[in-house]
Amino acid sequence: MLSAKEAAQVAAEYLEDIKNIYDVSLEEIEFSRTENLWLVTLSYTPSSLLGADKEYKIFKVDADDGEVLSMKLLR
């Protein structure tokens, strides 16, 4: 089973790969026992412009195999 740290790393690497960004920050992480997955919230700045607002993504990461099951925009 993945640890919280491993789940956060999996989600961050996934986001970096698909968005080609490198300023990812961990905001929250929670384990769902009923679904056996990690809920990982990450933030990043989508633009290099000063004053750009952060965007937030929530990931569902399978606790057994580390597969990213979903990625949603947090509004």
Protein backbone atom coordinates (compact mmCIF):
# COMPACT_ATOMS: atom_id res chain seq x y z
CA MET A 1 0.00 0.00 0.00
CA LEU A 2 1.23 3.48 -0.88
CA SER A 3 2.15 5.86 1.91
CA ALA A 4 0.80 9.41 1.94
CA LYS A 5 4.19 10.69 0.78
CA GLU A 6 4.28 8.23 -2.14
CA ALA A 7 0.72 9.13 -3.20
CA ALA A 8 1.59 12.84 -3.18
CA GLN A 9 4.69 12.17 -5.27
CA VAL A 10 2.70 10.11 -7.80
CA ALA A 11 0.12 12.91 -8.17
CA ALA A 12 2.81 15.61 -8.50
CA GLU A 13 4.71 13.64 -11.16
CA TYR A 14 1.46 13.05 -13.07
CA LEU A 15 0.62 16.77 -13.02
CA GLU A 16 4.15 17.76 -14.05
CA ASP A 17 4.04 15.30 -16.96
CA ILE A 18 0.72 16.41 -18.42
CA LYS A 19 0.99 20.15 -17.72
CA ASN A 20 4.77 20.59 -18.13
CA ILE A 21 5.06 22.64 -14.94
CA TYR A 22 7.51 22.47 -12.07
CA ASP A 23 6.15 24.65 -9.25
CA VAL A 24 3.77 22.10 -7.75
CA SER A 25 2.89 22.36 -4.04
CA LEU A 26 1.09 19.85 -1.84
CA GLU A 27 -1.95 21.43 -0.18
CA GLU A 28 -3.87 18.49 1.34
CA ILE A 29 -3.84 14.73 1.47
CA GLU A 30 -6.48 12.40 2.88
CA PHE A 31 -6.99 8.64 2.84
CA SER A 32 -10.43 7.26 1.99
CA ARG A 33 -10.82 3.87 3.67
CA THR A 34 -14.13 3.17 1.92
CA GLU A 35 -12.61 3.62 -1.55
CA ASN A 36 -9.03 2.57 -0.67
CA LEU A 37 -7.54 5.63 -2.33
CA TRP A 38 -5.66 8.79 -1.56
CA LEU A 39 -7.24 12.19 -2.21
CA VAL A 40 -4.37 14.55 -3.01
CA THR A 41 -4.82 18.30 -3.53
CA LEU A 42 -2.00 20.08 -5.36
CA SER A 43 -1.55 23.71 -6.38
CA TYR A 44 0.51 25.37 -9.09
CA THR A 45 0.80 28.68 -10.88
CA PRO A 46 -0.24 28.14 -14.52
CA SER A 47 1.63 31.18 -15.83
CA SER A 48 4.99 32.74 -15.17
CA LEU A 49 3.30 36.16 -15.04
CA LEU A 50 3.53 37.99 -11.75
CA GLY A 51 0.30 37.96 -9.82
CA ALA A 52 -1.13 34.91 -11.58
CA ASP A 53 -3.58 33.02 -9.38
CA LYS A 54 -2.80 29.50 -8.27
CA GLU A 55 -4.84 26.65 -9.64
CA TYR A 56 -5.77 23.62 -7.57
CA LYS A 57 -6.23 20.02 -8.69
CA ILE A 58 -7.62 17.09 -6.73
CA PHE A 59 -6.29 13.63 -7.56
CA LYS A 60 -7.62 10.21 -6.66
CA VAL A 61 -4.68 7.81 -6.39
CA ASP A 62 -5.24 4.07 -5.92
CA ALA A 63 -3.61 3.09 -2.63
CA ASP A 64 -2.63 -0.38 -3.86
CA ASP A 65 -1.00 0.22 -7.23
CA GLY A 66 -0.45 4.01 -7.35
CA GLU A 67 -2.56 4.54 -10.45
CA VAL A 68 -4.02 8.03 -10.85
CA LEU A 69 -7.74 7.39 -11.23
CA SER A 70 -8.90 10.96 -11.68
CA MET A 71 -7.81 14.59 -11.71
CA LYS A 72 -10.32 17.39 -11.14
CA LEU A 73 -10.09 21.15 -11.02
CA LEU A 74 -10.95 22.52 -7.60
CA ARG A 75 -13.22 25.55 -7.95
